[in-house]
Amino acid sequence: MSDLKGTTIVAIKKDGKTAIAGDGQVTLGEQVVLKNNAVKVRRIYNDKVVLGFAGSVADAFALSERFEEMLQKFSGNLMRSAVEMALSFRDDHYRKLEAMMIVADKDKLLILSGSGEVIEPDEGVCAIGSGGNYALAAGRALVRNTNLSAKEIAIKCIEIAGDICVFTNNHITCEEV
């Protein structure tokens, strides 16, 4: 079994809250749904950090584990942990991973890639995964044009992406910090 993927993760930062939501679909190649209720959004570091991951399943788990190690090493400092993890990829300490993560604490929102990229998104809206572009467009529109909360927008983004992207479903997990 290889090429396990298919997901959408979105993050919305609004009114002092950040919500990260993800769908539950795991796909084998482009034809088979292996699981429809996977949980790809979770709390870490004493519930102070939320992360959502997308990409190859094994690589996504490896990326999240490495990030958790950095959080422990740097006492929960999100930006420092992200930068140090990125530097370790650049030094060829780790092999490149086919995965991405969105991570957030009460202050910061970041996108981390398995090749050592660290991106702080514009407008407090970001998305990754197969339905990421659909969720990103929905998130920007909803943030600009509604009074919905961060959590409400994040959930609606996954619903919209699930209606369009065949690799995204409407089994939604959402966490807020």
C-alpha atoms as a PDB file:
ATOM      1  CA  MET A   1       0.000   0.000   0.000  1.00  0.00           C
ATOM      2  CA  SER A   2       1.486   3.259  -1.072  1.00  0.00           C
ATOM      3  CA  ASP A   3       0.260   6.666  -2.098  1.00  0.00           C
ATOM      4  CA  LEU A   4      -2.150   7.060   0.834  1.00  0.00           C
ATOM      5  CA  LYS A   5      -3.431  10.620   0.803  1.00  0.00           C
ATOM      6  CA  GLY A   6      -6.343  12.903   0.099  1.00  0.00           C
ATOM      7  CA  THR A   7      -7.400  15.546   2.560  1.00  0.00           C
ATOM      8  CA  THR A   8      -8.123  19.202   3.134  1.00  0.00           C
ATOM      9  CA  ILE A   9      -6.963  21.262   6.107  1.00  0.00           C
ATOM     10  CA  VAL A  10      -7.928  24.915   6.599  1.00  0.00           C
ATOM     11  CA  ALA A  11      -7.103  27.494   9.263  1.00  0.00           C
ATOM     12  CA  ILE A  12      -8.905  30.717  10.046  1.00  0.00           C
ATOM     13  CA  LYS A  13      -7.568  33.376  12.411  1.00  0.00           C
ATOM     14  CA  LYS A  14     -10.225  35.908  13.371  1.00  0.00           C
ATOM     15  CA  ASP A  15     -11.175  37.982  16.413  1.00  0.00           C
ATOM     16  CA  GLY A  16      -8.401  36.584  18.598  1.00  0.00           C
ATOM     17  CA  LYS A  17      -9.228  32.927  17.851  1.00  0.00           C
ATOM     18  CA  THR A  18      -7.679  30.472  15.417  1.00  0.00           C
ATOM     19  CA  ALA A  19      -9.593  27.424  14.205  1.00  0.00           C
ATOM     20  CA  ILE A  20      -8.086  24.559  12.226  1.00  0.00           C
ATOM     21  CA  ALA A  21     -10.451  22.135  10.524  1.00  0.00           C
ATOM     22  CA  GLY A  22      -9.885  19.035   8.426  1.00  0.00           C
ATOM     23  CA  ASP A  23     -11.856  16.351   6.680  1.00  0.00           C
ATOM     24  CA  GLY A  24     -11.638  12.631   7.390  1.00  0.00           C
ATOM     25  CA  GLN A  25     -10.904  11.025   4.036  1.00  0.00           C
ATOM     26  CA  VAL A  26      -7.876   8.816   3.340  1.00  0.00           C
ATOM     27  CA  THR A  27      -7.509   7.763  -0.270  1.00  0.00           C
ATOM     28  CA  LEU A  28      -5.424   5.043  -1.915  1.00  0.00           C
ATOM     29  CA  GLY A  29      -4.324   6.456  -5.254  1.00  0.00           C
ATOM     30  CA  GLU A  30      -7.105   8.112  -7.182  1.00  0.00           C
ATOM     31  CA  GLN A  31      -9.763   5.410  -7.019  1.00  0.00           C
ATOM     32  CA  VAL A  32     -10.281   4.016  -3.527  1.00  0.00           C
ATOM     33  CA  VAL A  33     -11.432   5.619  -0.283  1.00  0.00           C
ATOM     34  CA  LEU A  34      -9.810   3.580   2.489  1.00  0.00           C
ATOM     35  CA  LYS A  35     -11.134   5.529   5.447  1.00  0.00           C
ATOM     36  CA  ASN A  36     -13.666   8.298   5.782  1.00  0.00           C
ATOM     37  CA  ASN A  37     -13.367   9.283   9.452  1.00  0.00           C
ATOM     38  CA  ALA A  38      -9.633   9.819   9.984  1.00  0.00           C
ATOM     39  CA  VAL A  39      -8.661  12.568  12.413  1.00  0.00           C
ATOM     40  CA  LYS A  40      -6.002  14.861  10.947  1.00  0.00           C
ATOM     41  CA  VAL A  41      -6.439  17.815  13.300  1.00  0.00           C
ATOM     42  CA  ARG A  42      -5.328  17.554  16.909  1.00  0.00           C
ATOM     43  CA  ARG A  43      -4.081  19.403  19.948  1.00  0.00           C
ATOM     44  CA  ILE A  44      -0.505  19.030  21.145  1.00  0.00           C
ATOM     45  CA  TYR A  45       1.821  20.583  23.719  1.00  0.00           C
ATOM     46  CA  ASN A  46      -0.589  20.552  26.673  1.00  0.00           C
ATOM     47  CA  ASP A  47      -3.473  21.592  24.374  1.00  0.00           C
ATOM     48  CA  LYS A  48      -1.792  24.947  23.641  1.00  0.00           C
ATOM     49  CA  VAL A  49      -1.024  24.159  19.985  1.00  0.00           C
ATOM     50  CA  VAL A  50      -3.311  22.839  17.260  1.00  0.00           C
ATOM     51  CA  LEU A  51      -2.018  21.164  14.127  1.00  0.00           C
ATOM     52  CA  GLY A  52      -3.563  19.746  10.989  1.00  0.00           C
ATOM     53  CA  PHE A  53      -1.641  17.666   8.471  1.00  0.00           C
ATOM     54  CA  ALA A  54      -2.000  16.611   4.842  1.00  0.00           C
ATOM     55  CA  GLY A  55       0.017  14.476   2.450  1.00  0.00           C
ATOM     56  CA  SER A  56       1.422  10.993   2.523  1.00  0.00           C
ATOM     57  CA  VAL A  57       0.207   9.441   5.779  1.00  0.00           C
ATOM     58  CA  ALA A  58       3.561   8.143   7.032  1.00  0.00           C
ATOM     59  CA  ASP A  59       5.306  11.399   6.123  1.00  0.00           C
ATOM     60  CA  ALA A  60       2.558  13.471   7.759  1.00  0.00           C
ATOM     61  CA  PHE A  61       2.959  11.528  11.006  1.00  0.00           C
ATOM     62  CA  ALA A  62       6.748  11.880  10.834  1.00  0.00           C
ATOM     63  CA  LEU A  63       6.457  15.637  10.235  1.00  0.00           C
ATOM     64  CA  SER A  64       4.063  16.127  13.146  1.00  0.00           C
ATOM     65  CA  GLU A  65       6.274  14.039  15.467  1.00  0.00           C
ATOM     66  CA  ARG A  66       9.352  16.069  14.539  1.00  0.00           C
ATOM     67  CA  PHE A  67       7.477  19.300  15.157  1.00  0.00           C
ATOM     68  CA  GLU A  68       6.279  18.059  18.552  1.00  0.00           C
ATOM     69  CA  GLU A  69       9.891  17.244  19.459  1.00  0.00           C
ATOM     70  CA  MET A  70      10.898  20.799  18.574  1.00  0.00           C
ATOM     71  CA  LEU A  71       8.041  22.244  20.637  1.00  0.00           C
ATOM     72  CA  GLN A  72       9.290  20.294  23.633  1.00  0.00           C
ATOM     73  CA  LYS A  73      12.870  21.367  23.000  1.00  0.00           C
ATOM     74  CA  PHE A  74      11.939  25.062  22.689  1.00  0.00           C
ATOM     75  CA  SER A  75       9.335  25.227  25.482  1.00  0.00           C
ATOM     76  CA  GLY A  76       6.333  25.643  23.204  1.00  0.00           C
ATOM     77  CA  ASN A  77       7.712  28.568  21.185  1.00  0.00           C
ATOM     78  CA  LEU A  78       5.863  27.972  17.903  1.00  0.00           C
ATOM     79  CA  MET A  79       7.967  30.148  15.606  1.00  0.00           C
ATOM     80  CA  ARG A  80      11.306  29.014  17.018  1.00  0.00           C
ATOM     81  CA  SER A  81      10.234  25.360  16.803  1.00  0.00           C
ATOM     82  CA  ALA A  82       9.140  25.796  13.180  1.00  0.00           C
ATOM     83  CA  VAL A  83      12.337  27.573  12.155  1.00  0.00           C
ATOM     84  CA  GLU A  84      14.577  25.046  13.895  1.00  0.00           C
ATOM     85  CA  MET A  85      12.723  22.164  12.249  1.00  0.00           C
ATOM     86  CA  ALA A  86      13.078  23.888   8.862  1.00  0.00           C
ATOM     87  CA  LEU A  87      16.796  24.347   9.440  1.00  0.00           C
ATOM     88  CA  SER A  88      17.186  20.650  10.202  1.00  0.00           C
ATOM     89  CA  PHE A  89      15.741  19.853   6.759  1.00  0.00           C
ATOM     90  CA  ARG A  90      18.123  22.298   5.122  1.00  0.00           C
ATOM     91  CA  ASP A  91      21.087  20.673   6.863  1.00  0.00           C
ATOM     92  CA  ASP A  92      19.959  17.310   5.436  1.00  0.00           C
ATOM     93  CA  HIS A  93      19.466  16.090   8.999  1.00  0.00           C
ATOM     94  CA  TYR A  94      16.059  14.793   7.861  1.00  0.00           C
ATOM     95  CA  ARG A  95      14.965  13.495   4.502  1.00  0.00           C
ATOM     96  CA  LYS A  96      12.357  15.546   2.681  1.00  0.00           C
ATOM     97  CA  LEU A  97       8.789  14.508   3.537  1.00  0.00           C
ATOM     98  CA  GLU A  98       5.765  14.511   1.245  1.00  0.00           C
ATOM     99  CA  ALA A  99       3.536  16.267   3.752  1.00  0.00           C
ATOM    100  CA  MET A 100       2.485  19.684   5.004  1.00  0.00           C
ATOM    101  CA  MET A 101       1.073  20.978   8.279  1.00  0.00           C
ATOM    102  CA  ILE A 102      -0.755  23.989   9.547  1.00  0.00           C
ATOM    103  CA  VAL A 103       0.120  24.823  13.152  1.00  0.00           C
ATOM    104  CA  ALA A 104      -1.278  27.490  15.463  1.00  0.00           C
ATOM    105  CA  ASP A 105      -1.092  28.702  19.026  1.00  0.00           C
ATOM    106  CA  LYS A 106      -2.845  31.670  20.623  1.00  0.00           C
ATOM    107  CA  ASP A 107      -0.583  34.115  18.754  1.00  0.00           C
ATOM    108  CA  LYS A 108       0.799  32.561  15.562  1.00  0.00           C
ATOM    109  CA  LEU A 109      -0.472  30.685  12.514  1.00  0.00           C
ATOM    110  CA  LEU A 110       2.059  28.907  10.258  1.00  0.00           C
ATOM    111  CA  ILE A 111       2.240  26.529   7.320  1.00  0.00           C
ATOM    112  CA  LEU A 112       5.111  24.021   7.521  1.00  0.00           C
ATOM    113  CA  SER A 113       6.234  21.821   4.654  1.00  0.00           C
ATOM    114  CA  GLY A 114       8.130  18.553   4.670  1.00  0.00           C
ATOM    115  CA  SER A 115      10.903  20.232   2.703  1.00  0.00           C
ATOM    116  CA  GLY A 116      11.677  22.905   5.271  1.00  0.00           C
ATOM    117  CA  GLU A 117       9.410  25.807   4.345  1.00  0.00           C
ATOM    118  CA  VAL A 118       7.833  28.011   7.035  1.00  0.00           C
ATOM    119  CA  ILE A 119       5.120  30.395   5.853  1.00  0.00           C
ATOM    120  CA  GLU A 120       3.047  32.846   7.866  1.00  0.00           C
ATOM    121  CA  PRO A 121      -0.108  33.290   5.760  1.00  0.00           C
ATOM    122  CA  ASP A 122      -1.659  36.593   4.736  1.00  0.00           C
ATOM    123  CA  GLU A 123      -5.033  37.630   6.112  1.00  0.00           C
ATOM    124  CA  GLY A 124      -5.097  34.854   8.730  1.00  0.00           C
ATOM    125  CA  VAL A 125      -6.431  32.315   6.230  1.00  0.00           C
ATOM    126  CA  CYS A 126      -4.570  29.296   4.867  1.00  0.00           C
ATOM    127  CA  ALA A 127      -5.302  25.822   3.547  1.00  0.00           C
ATOM    128  CA  ILE A 128      -3.382  22.753   2.395  1.00  0.00           C
ATOM    129  CA  GLY A 129      -4.166  19.425   0.778  1.00  0.00           C
ATOM    130  CA  SER A 130      -6.108  18.317  -2.247  1.00  0.00           C
ATOM    131  CA  GLY A 131      -9.045  20.632  -1.576  1.00  0.00           C
ATOM    132  CA  GLY A 132      -6.884  23.397  -0.161  1.00  0.00           C
ATOM    133  CA  ASN A 133      -7.469  25.919  -2.939  1.00  0.00           C
ATOM    134  CA  TYR A 134     -11.255  25.539  -2.635  1.00  0.00           C
ATOM    135  CA  ALA A 135     -11.097  25.927   1.149  1.00  0.00           C
ATOM    136  CA  LEU A 136      -8.747  28.907   0.866  1.00  0.00           C
ATOM    137  CA  ALA A 137     -11.064  30.739  -1.544  1.00  0.00           C
ATOM    138  CA  ALA A 138     -14.081  30.009   0.648  1.00  0.00           C
ATOM    139  CA  GLY A 139     -12.197  31.138   3.759  1.00  0.00           C
ATOM    140  CA  ARG A 140     -11.128  34.446   2.275  1.00  0.00           C
ATOM    141  CA  ALA A 141     -14.636  35.180   1.048  1.00  0.00           C
ATOM    142  CA  LEU A 142     -16.268  34.259   4.358  1.00  0.00           C
ATOM    143  CA  VAL A 143     -13.774  36.227   6.468  1.00  0.00           C
ATOM    144  CA  ARG A 144     -14.248  39.324   4.309  1.00  0.00           C
ATOM    145  CA  ASN A 145     -18.015  39.142   3.929  1.00  0.00           C
ATOM    146  CA  THR A 146     -19.582  37.542   7.020  1.00  0.00           C
ATOM    147  CA  ASN A 147     -19.663  37.899  10.773  1.00  0.00           C
ATOM    148  CA  LEU A 148     -19.132  34.165  11.324  1.00  0.00           C
ATOM    149  CA  SER A 149     -16.589  33.054  13.940  1.00  0.00           C
ATOM    150  CA  ALA A 150     -13.244  31.486  13.026  1.00  0.00           C
ATOM    151  CA  LYS A 151     -14.584  28.032  13.905  1.00  0.00           C
ATOM    152  CA  GLU A 152     -17.795  28.485  11.901  1.00  0.00           C
ATOM    153  CA  ILE A 153     -15.819  29.640   8.857  1.00  0.00           C
ATOM    154  CA  ALA A 154     -13.309  26.780   9.103  1.00  0.00           C
ATOM    155  CA  ILE A 155     -16.119  24.213   9.185  1.00  0.00           C
ATOM    156  CA  LYS A 156     -17.917  25.846   6.245  1.00  0.00           C
ATOM    157  CA  CYS A 157     -14.665  25.830   4.251  1.00  0.00           C
ATOM    158  CA  ILE A 158     -14.309  22.067   4.627  1.00  0.00           C
ATOM    159  CA  GLU A 159     -17.968  21.595   3.710  1.00  0.00           C
ATOM    160  CA  ILE A 160     -17.463  23.648   0.526  1.00  0.00           C
ATOM    161  CA  ALA A 161     -14.235  21.844  -0.386  1.00  0.00           C
ATOM    162  CA  GLY A 162     -15.970  18.512   0.260  1.00  0.00           C
ATOM    163  CA  ASP A 163     -18.670  19.440  -2.231  1.00  0.00           C
ATOM    164  CA  ILE A 164     -16.063  20.106  -4.941  1.00  0.00           C
ATOM    165  CA  CYS A 165     -12.973  17.949  -4.300  1.00  0.00           C
ATOM    166  CA  VAL A 166     -13.318  14.174  -4.697  1.00  0.00           C
ATOM    167  CA  PHE A 167     -10.473  13.668  -2.177  1.00  0.00           C
ATOM    168  CA  THR A 168     -12.281  15.617   0.581  1.00  0.00           C
ATOM    169  CA  ASN A 169     -15.333  14.562   2.577  1.00  0.00           C
ATOM    170  CA  ASN A 170     -17.613  16.198   5.135  1.00  0.00           C
ATOM    171  CA  HIS A 171     -16.474  14.238   8.204  1.00  0.00           C
ATOM    172  CA  ILE A 172     -15.011  17.297   9.921  1.00  0.00           C
ATOM    173  CA  THR A 173     -12.711  17.698  12.906  1.00  0.00           C
ATOM    174  CA  CYS A 174     -12.189  21.254  14.141  1.00  0.00           C
ATOM    175  CA  GLU A 175     -10.068  22.569  16.999  1.00  0.00           C
ATOM    176  CA  GLU A 176      -9.734  26.169  18.168  1.00  0.00           C
ATOM    177  CA  VAL A 177      -7.100  28.076  20.160  1.00  0.00           C
END
